Amino acid sequence: MPASNDNLRFRLIFEQALDPMVLIDRHGGIVEANRSACASLGYSHEELVGGLHVTDFDLNATREDVDRVHGNPERHLPASFQSTYRRKDGSTFPAEVHINAV
């Protein structure tokens, strides 16, 4: 199957997922977010992508955590944990987080 079909399939699965999903770079910057993530966090796609760091909404994450985990993904990923997230309006909610290297 051509790569373009694989990319389209991934894009559709990602966008239509009911669970909020974000892709972050090695430094914790948001590089992609699905509709559910935007709705859950209260940000537009444009605000999330390229403008926020995961620590801006994950209240339990620090930049040191992100650097440690993403600096050595073979050792630290995949991982699952509970955290607290902050929406754009300042309200918070509990979140079950699953991370993996892509």
Protein backbone atom coordinates (compact mmCIF):
# COMPACT_ATOMS: atom_id res chain seq x y z
CA MET A 1 0.00 0.00 0.00
CA PRO A 2 1.43 3.42 -0.91
CA ALA A 3 2.73 5.61 1.91
CA SER A 4 0.17 8.32 1.09
CA ASN A 5 -2.66 5.89 1.91
CA ASP A 6 -0.94 4.97 5.18
CA ASN A 7 -0.61 8.66 6.05
CA LEU A 8 -4.26 9.30 5.23
CA ARG A 9 -5.35 6.30 7.29
CA PHE A 10 -3.30 7.48 10.27
CA ARG A 11 -4.68 11.01 9.91
CA LEU A 12 -8.28 9.79 9.89
CA ILE A 13 -7.76 7.53 12.91
CA PHE A 14 -5.99 10.32 14.81
CA GLU A 15 -8.60 12.98 14.02
CA GLN A 16 -11.63 10.78 14.68
CA ALA A 17 -10.36 9.30 17.95
CA LEU A 18 -12.65 10.00 20.89
CA ASP A 19 -9.68 10.20 23.26
CA PRO A 20 -7.66 13.40 23.33
CA MET A 21 -4.32 12.83 21.60
CA VAL A 22 -1.33 15.12 21.20
CA LEU A 23 2.00 14.52 19.55
CA ILE A 24 4.92 16.24 21.21
CA ASP A 25 8.49 16.71 20.07
CA ARG A 26 11.54 15.66 22.11
CA HIS A 27 11.42 18.96 23.98
CA GLY A 28 7.73 18.82 24.93
CA GLY A 29 6.41 21.16 22.27
CA ILE A 30 3.04 20.28 20.78
CA VAL A 31 3.40 19.36 17.10
CA GLU A 32 -0.10 17.97 16.52
CA ALA A 33 -3.38 17.65 18.40
CA ASN A 34 -6.67 16.02 17.51
CA ARG A 35 -10.12 17.62 17.83
CA SER A 36 -10.80 15.85 21.10
CA ALA A 37 -7.63 17.27 22.67
CA CYS A 38 -8.56 20.77 21.55
CA ALA A 39 -12.07 20.40 22.97
CA SER A 40 -10.86 18.87 26.26
CA LEU A 41 -8.22 21.53 26.83
CA GLY A 42 -10.24 24.46 25.48
CA TYR A 43 -7.64 25.60 22.95
CA SER A 44 -7.93 26.00 19.21
CA HIS A 45 -5.73 23.78 17.08
CA GLU A 46 -3.60 26.79 16.21
CA GLU A 47 -3.09 27.67 19.88
CA LEU A 48 -2.02 24.15 20.81
CA VAL A 49 0.21 23.33 17.86
CA GLY A 50 3.45 25.20 17.88
CA GLY A 51 2.50 27.45 20.75
CA LEU A 52 2.32 25.38 23.90
CA HIS A 53 4.60 23.07 25.86
CA VAL A 54 3.13 19.98 27.49
CA THR A 55 3.93 21.50 30.91
CA ASP A 56 1.54 24.36 30.11
CA PHE A 57 -1.39 22.00 30.70
CA ASP A 58 0.02 18.90 32.46
CA LEU A 59 0.36 20.17 36.02
CA ASN A 60 2.43 17.20 37.18
CA ALA A 61 5.02 17.40 34.40
CA THR A 62 8.17 19.46 34.60
CA ARG A 63 10.54 20.38 31.81
CA GLU A 64 13.13 18.18 33.51
CA ASP A 65 10.70 15.22 33.36
CA VAL A 66 10.10 15.80 29.66
CA ASP A 67 13.81 16.12 28.90
CA ARG A 68 14.63 12.95 30.88
CA VAL A 69 11.88 10.81 29.37
CA HIS A 70 12.16 12.00 25.79
CA GLY A 71 15.94 12.15 25.92
CA ASN A 72 16.05 8.39 26.51
CA PRO A 73 12.75 6.96 25.18
CA GLU A 74 14.09 3.39 24.96
CA ARG A 75 14.47 3.39 28.74
CA HIS A 76 11.35 5.33 29.81
CA LEU A 77 8.66 4.62 27.22
CA PRO A 78 5.98 3.42 26.93
CA ALA A 79 4.55 4.79 30.16
CA SER A 80 1.13 5.25 31.76
CA PHE A 81 0.24 7.39 34.75
CA GLN A 82 -2.37 9.66 36.31
CA SER A 83 -1.97 13.42 36.08
CA THR A 84 -3.91 16.64 36.42
CA TYR A 85 -4.49 18.81 33.36
CA ARG A 86 -5.38 22.50 33.17
CA ARG A 87 -7.74 23.86 30.53
CA LYS A 88 -7.28 27.25 28.91
CA ASP A 89 -9.94 28.69 31.24
CA GLY A 90 -7.89 27.59 34.28
CA SER A 91 -10.15 24.73 35.37
CA THR A 92 -8.48 21.38 36.00
CA PHE A 93 -9.39 17.76 35.43
CA PRO A 94 -7.83 14.36 36.16
CA ALA A 95 -6.24 12.62 33.20
CA GLU A 96 -5.02 9.11 32.51
CA VAL A 97 -1.92 9.60 30.36
CA HIS A 98 -0.36 7.06 28.01
CA ILE A 99 2.83 8.03 26.21
CA ASN A 100 4.94 6.24 23.66
CA ALA A 101 7.65 7.11 21.18
CA VAL A 102 6.55 7.43 17.57
